[in-house]
Amino acid sequence: MPIDGNMAELSAVLLRDSCSCPYCVHESTKQRLFSTADIPANVHAREITIDTTSNSVYIKWENDAPGYGSDHQTTLSMGALRNLTQSGRAPGLHKDSLPVPILWTQEPLNLPDYDYGTYMKDDHALYQLINQLSTEGLAFVTNVPGREESLATIATRIGPVKDTFYGHTWDVRTVPAAINAAYTSHDLGFHTDLLYFQCPPHVQLLHCIQSASSGGASVFADGYKAAVDLFHTDMDAFDALASIPVNYHYNHPDSNVYHTTKPVIDLKPLSIGDKKINWGPPFLAPFSNHEDPVELGRGNGAVLSTLNEKVDRWHSAAVKFNALLQRPEYLYERKMKPGECVLFDNTRTLHSRRAFDMADVGKPRWLRGTYVDKDPYLSRLRVLQNRFG
């Protein structure tokens, strides 16, 4: 097929599969009305017409999919075909132009606050906040009403809240015999929430209803920045955290048992915005070897030797990564006031909390929290990008 004066060889199945005519894609549901598996392997173009006025290509098929007559015609824009030959992206494929993450430390970070009333009513303000979550991974809403239900109203502007065994929303308050370290008054180190889930939530929200008079500041660090700096200063340590899987669990046999395995630095996704930082010392389970004993040469000695080597290598790398996170320039600290709500990317922005004084008479620290998954978050961002981007 001629494209920009050059002949390009394109798969007939690929082109037929790209058809978006009303007989192939339902006009209201936008879902396909045929299956790719129904396209015969010997399908081929019977007639190709190039319209230079509309810059389109019209194709009629021989040996088309069952149910399609000889008058069925596929229309493809020349621009889409050009893109296919240059980037390998089939016509009609969505291409995310999501905001590129901006790595930060304390010094250059200058975050605007978003007024609750404006955020709730103004879609452009919502877009700005979600866009900031994609670039910096951290945002604050102020002037939030002190009602328990206020948190859910902020979250559902982005998408449905994620229901977990903690509930749709949950309280962060000091309680006796706590089932989570967050429910104590102790210093809480940097971590990713719900690492023991197969798919931890993407956005976490915390609404401050009441703050302690002494201590209890929230501290945040850019996990992407720490990972990139580790890459540049100690490639072997970076590789250890990116390649050695570790176990995470929540082990309460009478109520909930969750466990999963993943590396600290997850490089599997295709784009930088999908990278994940899985740092959760409170949730770390005992180490285990994830190699097949047969591949290790059979025998317990080889298995144990490999496990020892990996644990020592991972431990050395974890010490270096943790040391980066403790450096003052990496820390963004804010003692949240009543009426403030923080939103952050739970798979990038690590969060912690300073210890606080439980003896505050009549002023127990009280935050409410919830989560939003990545799919609804990205859907909302794409819709708002179409309007304001």
Protein backbone atom coordinates (compact mmCIF):
# COMPACT_ATOMS: atom_id res chain seq x y z
CA MET A 1 0.00 0.00 0.00
CA PRO A 2 1.44 3.42 -0.95
CA ILE A 3 1.99 5.72 2.04
CA ASP A 4 3.70 9.06 1.49
CA GLY A 5 5.06 7.82 -1.83
CA ASN A 6 6.57 4.65 -0.35
CA MET A 7 5.18 1.14 -0.56
CA ALA A 8 4.37 -0.40 2.84
CA GLU A 9 3.52 -4.06 3.39
CA LEU A 10 0.69 -4.29 5.89
CA SER A 11 -1.03 -7.38 7.27
CA ALA A 12 -4.52 -7.84 5.85
CA VAL A 13 -5.70 -9.24 9.20
CA LEU A 14 -4.30 -6.17 10.98
CA LEU A 15 -6.09 -3.77 8.64
CA ARG A 16 -9.38 -5.71 8.73
CA ASP A 17 -9.16 -5.88 12.52
CA SER A 18 -8.81 -2.07 12.62
CA CYS A 19 -12.20 -1.47 11.00
CA SER A 20 -14.39 0.83 13.07
CA CYS A 21 -17.43 1.09 10.78
CA PRO A 22 -20.91 0.88 12.41
CA TYR A 23 -21.11 -2.81 11.47
CA CYS A 24 -17.86 -3.55 13.32
CA VAL A 25 -18.09 -1.21 16.32
CA HIS A 26 -21.41 -0.44 18.01
CA GLU A 27 -22.10 3.27 17.79
CA SER A 28 -23.30 3.77 21.38
CA THR A 29 -21.48 1.08 23.37
CA LYS A 30 -18.24 1.56 21.37
CA GLN A 31 -17.70 -2.19 21.66
CA ARG A 32 -16.76 -4.56 18.87
CA LEU A 33 -19.40 -6.53 16.99
CA PHE A 34 -16.94 -9.09 15.65
CA SER A 35 -14.14 -11.25 16.99
CA THR A 36 -10.61 -11.10 15.62
CA ALA A 37 -10.59 -14.90 15.72
CA ASP A 38 -13.46 -14.87 13.16
CA ILE A 39 -11.33 -13.14 10.52
CA PRO A 40 -10.18 -15.80 8.03
CA ALA A 41 -6.43 -16.17 7.69
CA ASN A 42 -6.75 -15.75 3.90
CA VAL A 43 -8.64 -12.45 4.08
CA HIS A 44 -7.25 -9.97 1.57
CA ALA A 45 -8.09 -6.64 0.01
CA ARG A 46 -10.33 -6.98 -3.05
CA GLU A 47 -10.42 -3.28 -3.77
CA ILE A 48 -8.36 -0.36 -2.41
CA THR A 49 -9.34 3.25 -3.07
CA ILE A 50 -7.23 6.20 -1.99
CA ASP A 51 -9.08 9.50 -1.68
CA THR A 52 -6.59 12.37 -1.61
CA THR A 53 -9.36 14.87 -0.86
CA SER A 54 -10.36 13.26 2.44
CA ASN A 55 -6.90 11.77 2.93
CA SER A 56 -8.51 8.38 3.51
CA VAL A 57 -8.12 4.81 2.30
CA TYR A 58 -11.19 2.63 1.55
CA ILE A 59 -10.81 -1.15 1.51
CA LYS A 60 -13.28 -3.83 0.41
CA TRP A 61 -12.50 -7.40 1.36
CA GLU A 62 -12.32 -10.86 -0.14
CA ASN A 63 -12.95 -13.72 2.34
CA ASP A 64 -14.24 -11.30 4.97
CA ALA A 65 -15.37 -12.38 8.44
CA PRO A 66 -18.66 -14.37 8.57
CA GLY A 67 -21.76 -12.17 8.32
CA TYR A 68 -20.10 -9.41 6.33
CA GLY A 69 -21.17 -8.98 2.70
CA SER A 70 -19.23 -7.84 -0.33
CA ASP A 71 -20.33 -4.24 0.28
CA HIS A 72 -18.57 -4.07 3.66
CA GLN A 73 -15.95 -1.33 3.53
CA THR A 74 -13.18 -0.38 5.94
CA THR A 75 -12.18 3.28 6.09
CA LEU A 76 -8.77 4.25 7.47
CA SER A 77 -7.19 7.68 7.57
CA MET A 78 -3.84 8.13 5.89
CA GLY A 79 -2.56 9.65 9.12
CA ALA A 80 -3.46 6.49 11.05
CA LEU A 81 -1.71 4.32 8.47
CA ARG A 82 1.34 6.58 8.58
CA ASN A 83 1.42 6.25 12.35
CA LEU A 84 1.14 2.48 11.99
CA THR A 85 4.17 2.26 9.74
CA GLN A 86 6.22 4.62 11.90
CA SER A 87 5.32 3.50 15.43
CA GLY A 88 3.58 0.16 15.08
CA ARG A 89 0.38 1.53 16.65
CA ALA A 90 -2.74 0.18 14.95
CA PRO A 91 -5.49 2.63 13.89
CA GLY A 92 -7.97 3.33 16.67
CA LEU A 93 -5.53 2.38 19.45
CA HIS A 94 -5.65 4.78 22.37
CA LYS A 95 -2.38 6.51 23.06
CA ASP A 96 -2.06 7.97 26.53
CA SER A 97 -0.30 11.31 26.65
CA LEU A 98 -0.26 11.27 30.42
CA PRO A 99 1.70 13.89 32.35
CA VAL A 100 5.37 13.00 32.81
CA PRO A 101 6.36 12.52 36.46
CA ILE A 102 8.51 15.31 37.88
CA LEU A 103 11.11 14.06 40.34
CA TRP A 104 11.29 16.16 43.47
CA THR A 105 13.06 16.79 46.72
CA GLN A 106 12.03 19.18 49.46
CA GLU A 107 13.77 22.24 48.02
CA PRO A 108 12.05 22.64 44.61
CA LEU A 109 8.66 21.35 45.74
CA ASN A 110 6.11 24.17 45.77
CA LEU A 111 2.63 22.67 45.93
CA PRO A 112 -0.50 24.80 45.67
CA ASP A 113 -3.44 23.99 47.94
CA TYR A 114 -6.89 23.36 46.45
CA ASP A 115 -9.95 24.82 48.14
CA TYR A 116 -12.57 22.17 48.90
CA GLY A 117 -15.50 24.20 47.58
CA THR A 118 -13.72 24.98 44.31
CA TYR A 119 -12.50 21.40 43.94
CA MET A 120 -16.02 20.04 44.38
CA LYS A 121 -17.66 22.42 41.87
CA ASP A 122 -14.99 23.23 39.30
CA ASP A 123 -13.91 20.44 36.93
CA HIS A 124 -10.87 22.43 35.86
CA ALA A 125 -9.66 22.55 39.47
CA LEU A 126 -10.24 18.78 39.64
CA TYR A 127 -8.18 18.37 36.47
CA GLN A 128 -5.35 20.47 37.91
CA LEU A 129 -5.26 18.38 41.08
CA ILE A 130 -5.31 15.03 39.25
CA ASN A 131 -2.68 16.31 36.85
CA GLN A 132 -0.53 17.25 39.87
CA LEU A 133 -0.99 13.76 41.27
CA SER A 134 0.47 12.45 38.01
CA THR A 135 3.43 14.81 37.98
CA GLU A 136 4.38 15.23 41.66
CA GLY A 137 2.34 12.42 43.21
CA LEU A 138 1.12 14.68 46.04
CA ALA A 139 -1.67 17.25 46.52
CA PHE A 140 -3.58 18.94 49.35
CA VAL A 141 -7.20 20.09 49.65
CA THR A 142 -8.01 22.68 52.34
CA ASN A 143 -11.16 24.01 54.00
CA VAL A 144 -12.70 20.54 54.08
CA PRO A 145 -15.79 20.32 56.32
CA GLY A 146 -15.13 18.40 59.52
CA ARG A 147 -17.82 15.81 58.80
CA GLU A 148 -16.93 12.14 58.55
CA GLU A 149 -18.53 11.87 55.10
CA SER A 150 -16.43 14.72 53.63
CA LEU A 151 -13.58 12.38 52.69
CA ALA A 152 -15.76 10.25 50.43
CA THR A 153 -16.97 13.34 48.58
CA ILE A 154 -13.37 14.24 47.73
CA ALA A 155 -12.51 10.70 46.64
CA THR A 156 -15.58 10.11 44.48
CA ARG A 157 -14.80 13.21 42.43
CA ILE A 158 -11.95 11.04 41.11
CA GLY A 159 -13.61 7.62 41.16
CA PRO A 160 -15.31 5.01 43.35
CA VAL A 161 -13.60 4.40 46.68
CA LYS A 162 -11.81 1.08 47.02
CA ASP A 163 -13.47 -1.15 49.57
CA THR A 164 -11.02 -3.16 51.70
CA PHE A 165 -11.28 -5.09 54.96
CA TYR A 166 -10.73 -1.71 56.65
CA GLY A 167 -13.99 -0.50 55.06
CA HIS A 168 -14.91 2.07 52.40
CA THR A 169 -13.37 4.70 54.66
CA TRP A 170 -11.51 4.16 57.89
CA ASP A 171 -10.31 6.05 60.95
CA VAL A 172 -6.67 6.57 61.88
CA ARG A 173 -6.84 6.84 65.66
CA THR A 174 -4.84 5.35 68.49
CA VAL A 175 -6.54 2.24 69.80
CA PRO A 176 -5.50 -0.51 72.23
CA ALA A 177 -4.36 -3.83 70.72
CA ALA A 178 -4.05 -2.14 67.33
CA ILE A 179 -4.23 -4.34 64.20
CA ASN A 180 -2.19 -1.79 62.23
CA ALA A 181 0.85 0.30 63.16
CA ALA A 182 -1.02 3.41 61.99
CA TYR A 183 -3.37 2.97 64.95
CA THR A 184 -0.58 3.57 67.46
CA SER A 185 1.14 6.81 68.50
CA HIS A 186 4.59 5.58 67.50
CA ASP A 187 6.74 6.98 64.73
CA LEU A 188 5.64 5.34 61.48
CA GLY A 189 8.38 4.87 58.89
CA PHE A 190 8.08 5.32 55.13
CA HIS A 191 5.90 2.74 53.43
CA THR A 192 3.43 1.91 50.66
CA ASP A 193 -0.05 0.97 51.89
CA LEU A 194 -1.57 -2.48 51.32
CA LEU A 195 1.55 -3.97 49.74
CA TYR A 196 0.21 -7.40 50.59
CA PHE A 197 -2.57 -6.88 48.01
CA GLN A 198 -2.00 -8.17 44.49
CA CYS A 199 -2.91 -4.68 43.25
CA PRO A 200 -2.41 -2.03 45.94
CA PRO A 201 -4.59 1.09 45.55
CA HIS A 202 -3.20 3.91 43.45
CA VAL A 203 -4.45 7.00 45.29
CA GLN A 204 -4.61 7.31 49.06
CA LEU A 205 -6.51 10.11 50.80
CA LEU A 206 -6.20 11.21 54.44
CA HIS A 207 -8.53 13.86 55.89
CA CYS A 208 -7.42 15.50 59.12
CA ILE A 209 -10.42 16.00 61.39
CA GLN A 210 -8.41 16.59 64.56
CA SER A 211 -4.65 16.94 65.06
CA ALA A 212 -2.50 16.27 68.08
CA SER A 213 -1.03 19.36 69.74
CA SER A 214 2.38 17.72 69.95
CA GLY A 215 3.92 15.71 67.09
CA GLY A 216 2.09 13.67 64.47
CA ALA A 217 3.41 15.49 61.37
CA SER A 218 2.99 13.71 58.04
CA VAL A 219 6.17 13.18 56.02
CA PHE A 220 6.40 12.31 52.31
CA ALA A 221 9.23 11.31 49.98
CA ASP A 222 9.37 10.76 46.23
CA GLY A 223 10.10 7.06 45.75
CA TYR A 224 10.83 7.66 42.05
CA LYS A 225 13.50 10.22 42.93
CA ALA A 226 15.15 7.88 45.45
CA ALA A 227 15.12 5.01 42.92
CA VAL A 228 16.63 7.16 40.16
CA ASP A 229 19.33 8.49 42.48
CA LEU A 230 20.13 4.94 43.59
CA PHE A 231 20.40 3.94 39.92
CA HIS A 232 22.98 6.68 39.31
CA THR A 233 25.00 6.09 42.48
CA ASP A 234 24.88 2.30 42.92
CA MET A 235 23.69 0.31 39.93
CA ASP A 236 24.12 -3.02 41.69
CA ALA A 237 21.92 -1.93 44.60
CA PHE A 238 19.27 -0.65 42.16
CA ASP A 239 19.37 -3.94 40.26
CA ALA A 240 18.99 -5.92 43.49
CA LEU A 241 15.83 -4.03 44.48
CA ALA A 242 14.46 -4.29 40.94
CA SER A 243 15.17 -7.98 40.38
CA ILE A 244 14.91 -9.76 43.73
CA PRO A 245 11.27 -10.36 44.74
CA VAL A 246 10.38 -10.18 48.41
CA ASN A 247 7.31 -11.32 50.33
CA TYR A 248 4.70 -9.07 51.93
CA HIS A 249 1.86 -10.21 54.15
CA TYR A 250 -0.96 -9.29 56.49
CA ASN A 251 -1.29 -12.26 58.77
CA HIS A 252 -4.30 -12.30 61.10
CA PRO A 253 -5.49 -15.92 60.81
CA ASP A 254 -8.78 -15.25 62.58
CA SER A 255 -9.85 -12.47 60.22
CA ASN A 256 -7.69 -11.72 57.18
CA VAL A 257 -4.67 -13.35 55.55
CA TYR A 258 -3.11 -11.60 52.54
CA HIS A 259 0.26 -12.24 50.95
CA THR A 260 2.03 -11.43 47.71
CA THR A 261 5.52 -11.25 46.23
CA LYS A 262 7.05 -8.34 44.30
CA PRO A 263 10.32 -6.41 43.97
CA VAL A 264 10.80 -3.06 45.73
CA ILE A 265 11.33 -1.29 42.39
CA ASP A 266 8.82 -2.67 39.89
CA LEU A 267 9.98 -2.07 36.32
CA LYS A 268 7.52 -4.39 34.58
CA PRO A 269 5.06 -1.79 33.21
CA LEU A 270 5.85 -0.21 29.86
CA SER A 271 5.89 3.49 30.73
CA ILE A 272 7.69 5.44 33.46
CA GLY A 273 4.41 6.64 34.89
CA ASP A 274 3.48 3.03 35.63
CA LYS A 275 6.58 2.15 37.62
CA LYS A 276 5.85 1.16 41.20
CA ILE A 277 7.81 1.58 44.42
CA ASN A 278 6.91 -1.27 46.77
CA TRP A 279 8.55 -0.21 50.01
CA GLY A 280 6.84 -1.57 53.11
CA PRO A 281 9.06 -2.61 56.05
CA PRO A 282 6.03 -3.13 58.35
CA PHE A 283 4.54 -5.66 55.93
CA LEU A 284 7.68 -7.60 54.99
CA ALA A 285 7.27 -11.36 55.40
CA PRO A 286 10.11 -13.89 55.88
CA PHE A 287 12.32 -14.31 52.84
CA SER A 288 12.03 -17.31 50.54
CA ASN A 289 13.68 -18.55 47.38
CA HIS A 290 11.55 -18.05 44.29
CA GLU A 291 13.78 -20.10 42.01
CA ASP A 292 12.90 -23.59 40.84
CA PRO A 293 15.14 -26.02 42.81
CA VAL A 294 15.63 -28.04 39.60
CA GLU A 295 17.12 -25.01 37.90
CA LEU A 296 19.49 -24.57 40.84
CA GLY A 297 21.07 -27.94 40.21
CA ARG A 298 18.97 -30.00 42.64
CA GLY A 299 19.74 -30.30 46.30
CA ASN A 300 19.09 -28.22 49.39
CA GLY A 301 22.62 -26.85 49.43
CA ALA A 302 22.20 -24.97 46.16
CA VAL A 303 18.80 -23.63 47.23
CA LEU A 304 20.10 -22.39 50.58
CA SER A 305 23.23 -20.88 49.04
CA THR A 306 21.17 -18.93 46.50
CA LEU A 307 18.77 -17.71 49.18
CA ASN A 308 21.64 -16.57 51.42
CA GLU A 309 23.25 -14.69 48.55
CA LYS A 310 20.03 -12.97 47.50
CA VAL A 311 19.05 -11.96 51.03
CA ASP A 312 22.49 -10.47 51.71
CA ARG A 313 22.46 -8.61 48.39
CA TRP A 314 18.91 -7.35 48.92
CA HIS A 315 19.65 -6.29 52.49
CA SER A 316 22.68 -4.26 51.43
CA ALA A 317 20.61 -2.52 48.74
CA ALA A 318 17.69 -1.88 51.11
CA VAL A 319 20.00 -0.23 53.63
CA LYS A 320 21.21 2.17 50.91
CA PHE A 321 17.70 2.91 49.66
CA ASN A 322 16.46 3.57 53.19
CA ALA A 323 19.43 5.87 53.86
CA LEU A 324 18.43 7.98 50.84
CA LEU A 325 14.88 8.29 52.18
CA GLN A 326 16.16 9.57 55.53
CA ARG A 327 18.16 12.43 54.04
CA PRO A 328 16.55 15.78 54.96
CA GLU A 329 16.44 17.04 51.37
CA TYR A 330 14.18 14.13 50.39
CA LEU A 331 11.56 14.90 53.02
CA TYR A 332 8.41 16.98 52.59
CA GLU A 333 6.95 17.42 56.07
CA ARG A 334 3.59 18.96 56.91
CA LYS A 335 1.66 18.84 60.12
CA MET A 336 -1.85 18.65 58.79
CA LYS A 337 -4.45 20.92 60.32
CA PRO A 338 -8.12 20.09 60.79
CA GLY A 339 -9.87 20.68 57.48
CA GLU A 340 -6.93 19.53 55.34
CA CYS A 341 -6.88 16.43 53.16
CA VAL A 342 -3.81 14.98 51.47
CA LEU A 343 -4.01 12.91 48.28
CA PHE A 344 -0.94 11.01 47.08
CA ASP A 345 0.15 8.34 44.64
CA ASN A 346 0.44 5.29 46.89
CA THR A 347 2.63 3.47 44.33
CA ARG A 348 5.19 6.29 44.15
CA THR A 349 5.01 8.71 47.09
CA LEU A 350 6.13 7.04 50.29
CA HIS A 351 4.53 8.36 53.46
CA SER A 352 5.34 8.28 57.14
CA ARG A 353 4.26 9.95 60.36
CA ARG A 354 6.11 11.42 63.30
CA ALA A 355 5.31 10.08 66.76
CA PHE A 356 2.82 12.10 68.76
CA ASP A 357 1.83 12.58 72.39
CA MET A 358 -1.14 10.45 73.47
CA ALA A 359 -1.49 12.59 76.58
CA ASP A 360 -3.20 15.41 74.65
CA VAL A 361 -6.26 15.82 76.82
CA GLY A 362 -9.44 16.10 74.76
CA LYS A 363 -7.47 16.30 71.49
CA PRO A 364 -6.83 12.77 70.19
CA ARG A 365 -5.33 12.76 66.70
CA TRP A 366 -8.00 11.72 64.20
CA LEU A 367 -7.64 11.23 60.47
CA ARG A 368 -10.00 9.47 58.07
CA GLY A 369 -8.64 7.57 55.10
CA THR A 370 -9.73 5.90 51.90
CA TYR A 371 -8.35 4.72 48.56
CA VAL A 372 -9.09 4.98 44.83
CA ASP A 373 -7.83 2.39 42.34
CA LYS A 374 -5.74 3.27 39.29
CA ASP A 375 -8.25 2.45 36.53
CA PRO A 376 -10.93 4.97 37.60
CA TYR A 377 -8.21 7.53 38.37
CA LEU A 378 -6.75 7.22 34.86
CA SER A 379 -10.21 7.24 33.29
CA ARG A 380 -11.06 10.51 35.02
CA LEU A 381 -7.71 12.01 34.00
CA ARG A 382 -8.23 11.06 30.34
CA VAL A 383 -11.76 12.50 30.26
CA LEU A 384 -10.56 15.76 31.81
CA GLN A 385 -7.58 15.87 29.44
CA ASN A 386 -10.00 15.72 26.52
CA ARG A 387 -11.73 18.80 27.92
CA PHE A 388 -8.88 20.87 29.31
CA GLY A 389 -5.59 19.34 28.16
